[in-house]
Amino acid sequence: MRFFAARTGSPAEAEDLVQELYIKVTTVDGEIANHGAYLFRLASNLMLDRARQARRSGARDTAYRAATVETAGGEDIADSPSAEAALAARQRLARLTARLETLPDKTREAFRLHKFEGLSHAETAQRMGVSRSAVEKYVSAALKHLLEVGE
């Protein structure tokens, strides 16, 4: 315990290492010429393994954090909107949805196919049986109509 505690600085980690050392020692088959040297070598190797594992874990955590957390001025930026922003977005979506329902049928259908289902203007025109320019006009009219909600 003293060996591990002196090197790790943590009594809890020292206890964990002693338990690991005990498990390794009890599974040894064969004769050991110098028991003390064997224990100290095994203990040193356990600490090295722990240090390597901590270093790899730290590098992995740092890489993950760099890839997923936005920072500005050294401070983390929350990646989720505030409750107020979420509520405002839901209210705006409800207004847009209601406004979408007031569009003429062909305009609403062209907008839905193009924007929600991701069809191109040509694919939307083919599906609706109208010209591509008609679809462009429908989508443009729908966007203009929906943008009036934000005003």
Protein backbone atom coordinates (compact mmCIF):
# COMPACT_ATOMS: atom_id res chain seq x y z
CA MET A 1 0.00 0.00 0.00
CA ARG A 2 2.77 2.47 0.94
CA PHE A 3 4.61 1.75 -2.33
CA PHE A 4 1.54 2.55 -4.40
CA ALA A 5 0.30 5.44 -2.24
CA ALA A 6 3.71 7.16 -2.38
CA ARG A 7 3.82 6.94 -6.17
CA THR A 8 0.19 7.63 -7.03
CA GLY A 9 -0.65 10.14 -4.30
CA SER A 10 -4.05 8.54 -3.90
CA PRO A 11 -4.95 6.02 -1.18
CA ALA A 12 -7.99 4.89 -3.19
CA GLU A 13 -5.92 4.21 -6.29
CA ALA A 14 -3.32 2.47 -4.13
CA GLU A 15 -6.03 0.12 -2.83
CA ASP A 16 -7.18 -0.63 -6.37
CA LEU A 17 -3.63 -1.40 -7.43
CA VAL A 18 -3.07 -3.68 -4.44
CA GLN A 19 -6.19 -5.62 -5.39
CA GLU A 20 -5.02 -5.93 -8.99
CA LEU A 21 -1.59 -7.01 -7.77
CA TYR A 22 -3.17 -9.65 -5.52
CA ILE A 23 -5.21 -11.05 -8.42
CA LYS A 24 -2.12 -11.25 -10.63
CA VAL A 25 -0.03 -12.90 -7.90
CA THR A 26 -2.67 -15.54 -7.13
CA THR A 27 -2.83 -16.57 -10.79
CA VAL A 28 0.94 -17.12 -11.17
CA ASP A 29 1.97 -20.65 -12.04
CA GLY A 30 5.51 -21.86 -11.47
CA GLU A 31 8.39 -20.96 -9.21
CA ILE A 32 9.44 -17.39 -8.47
CA ALA A 33 13.11 -17.05 -7.54
CA ASN A 34 12.95 -13.62 -5.88
CA HIS A 35 9.48 -12.87 -4.50
CA GLY A 36 10.25 -9.27 -3.50
CA ALA A 37 11.73 -8.32 -6.86
CA TYR A 38 8.84 -10.02 -8.65
CA LEU A 39 6.24 -8.09 -6.61
CA PHE A 40 7.96 -4.75 -7.13
CA ARG A 41 8.33 -5.40 -10.90
CA LEU A 42 4.69 -6.44 -11.13
CA ALA A 43 3.65 -3.37 -9.12
CA SER A 44 5.71 -1.05 -11.35
CA ASN A 45 4.20 -2.58 -14.46
CA LEU A 46 0.68 -2.14 -13.07
CA MET A 47 1.35 1.55 -12.40
CA LEU A 48 2.80 2.00 -15.90
CA ASP A 49 -0.26 0.32 -17.40
CA ARG A 50 -2.53 2.64 -15.41
CA ALA A 51 -0.53 5.71 -16.47
CA ARG A 52 -0.69 4.68 -20.14
CA GLN A 53 -4.38 3.98 -19.88
CA ALA A 54 -5.00 7.39 -18.27
CA ARG A 55 -2.94 9.12 -20.98
CA ARG A 56 -4.85 7.34 -23.78
CA SER A 57 -8.15 8.07 -22.10
CA GLY A 58 -7.22 11.73 -21.67
CA ALA A 59 -6.18 12.04 -25.31
CA ARG A 60 -9.39 10.35 -26.43
CA ASP A 61 -11.51 12.62 -24.23
CA THR A 62 -9.68 15.72 -25.46
CA ALA A 63 -10.19 14.72 -29.10
CA TYR A 64 -13.88 14.01 -28.49
CA ARG A 65 -14.33 17.32 -26.68
CA ALA A 66 -12.60 19.22 -29.48
CA ALA A 67 -14.89 17.58 -32.03
CA THR A 68 -18.17 18.01 -30.16
CA VAL A 69 -18.00 21.05 -27.87
CA GLU A 70 -18.04 24.60 -29.18
CA THR A 71 -16.03 27.20 -27.28
CA ALA A 72 -15.82 30.96 -27.51
CA GLY A 73 -13.30 32.98 -25.52
CA GLY A 74 -12.27 29.88 -23.57
CA GLU A 75 -15.84 29.25 -22.38
CA ASP A 76 -18.01 26.34 -23.46
CA ILE A 77 -21.06 27.20 -25.49
CA ALA A 78 -24.16 25.15 -24.77
CA ASP A 79 -25.11 23.12 -27.82
CA SER A 80 -28.77 23.09 -26.87
CA PRO A 81 -31.02 26.12 -27.07
CA SER A 82 -32.33 27.82 -23.98
CA ALA A 83 -35.88 27.08 -22.84
CA GLU A 84 -37.01 30.47 -24.14
CA ALA A 85 -35.43 29.87 -27.56
CA ALA A 86 -37.01 26.40 -27.77
CA LEU A 87 -40.42 27.79 -26.89
CA ALA A 88 -40.08 30.60 -29.43
CA ALA A 89 -39.05 28.08 -32.10
CA ARG A 90 -42.06 25.86 -31.32
CA GLN A 91 -44.39 28.86 -31.50
CA ARG A 92 -42.88 29.98 -34.81
CA LEU A 93 -43.20 26.45 -36.19
CA ALA A 94 -46.87 26.38 -35.18
CA ARG A 95 -47.42 29.71 -36.95
CA LEU A 96 -45.62 28.46 -40.07
CA THR A 97 -47.58 25.21 -40.08
CA ALA A 98 -50.87 27.08 -39.74
CA ARG A 99 -49.79 29.50 -42.47
CA LEU A 100 -48.84 26.57 -44.72
CA GLU A 101 -52.37 25.22 -44.43
CA THR A 102 -53.78 28.47 -45.86
CA LEU A 103 -51.91 28.01 -49.16
CA PRO A 104 -53.73 26.84 -52.27
CA ASP A 105 -53.56 23.06 -52.76
CA LYS A 106 -51.08 22.99 -55.67
CA THR A 107 -48.78 25.55 -54.01
CA ARG A 108 -48.81 23.63 -50.73
CA GLU A 109 -48.19 20.32 -52.53
CA ALA A 110 -45.27 21.72 -54.55
CA PHE A 111 -43.73 23.22 -51.41
CA ARG A 112 -44.16 19.99 -49.45
CA LEU A 113 -42.65 17.81 -52.17
CA HIS A 114 -39.72 20.14 -52.78
CA LYS A 115 -38.85 21.26 -49.25
CA PHE A 116 -40.01 18.40 -47.05
CA GLU A 117 -39.47 15.38 -49.29
CA GLY A 118 -36.37 16.85 -50.94
CA LEU A 119 -37.44 16.42 -54.55
CA SER A 120 -35.90 18.67 -57.18
CA HIS A 121 -38.08 21.09 -59.11
CA ALA A 122 -38.07 18.71 -62.08
CA GLU A 123 -39.04 15.70 -59.92
CA THR A 124 -41.77 17.72 -58.23
CA ALA A 125 -43.09 18.85 -61.62
CA GLN A 126 -43.16 15.28 -62.88
CA ARG A 127 -44.93 14.00 -59.77
CA MET A 128 -47.54 16.79 -59.91
CA GLY A 129 -47.97 16.67 -63.69
CA VAL A 130 -47.09 20.35 -64.20
CA SER A 131 -44.18 22.22 -65.74
CA ARG A 132 -40.92 22.91 -63.93
CA SER A 133 -41.53 26.64 -64.13
CA ALA A 134 -44.93 26.18 -62.49
CA VAL A 135 -43.25 24.37 -59.59
CA GLU A 136 -40.70 27.17 -59.27
CA LYS A 137 -43.55 29.70 -59.12
CA TYR A 138 -45.48 27.61 -56.56
CA VAL A 139 -42.44 27.22 -54.30
CA SER A 140 -41.56 30.89 -54.61
CA ALA A 141 -45.13 31.91 -53.77
CA ALA A 142 -45.17 29.54 -50.79
CA LEU A 143 -41.90 30.92 -49.45
CA LYS A 144 -43.12 34.50 -49.84
CA HIS A 145 -46.36 33.58 -48.07
CA LEU A 146 -44.51 31.83 -45.21
CA LEU A 147 -41.97 34.63 -44.76
CA GLU A 148 -44.82 36.96 -43.91
CA VAL A 149 -45.21 35.02 -40.64
CA GLY A 150 -41.84 36.29 -39.41
CA GLU A 151 -42.80 39.93 -39.95
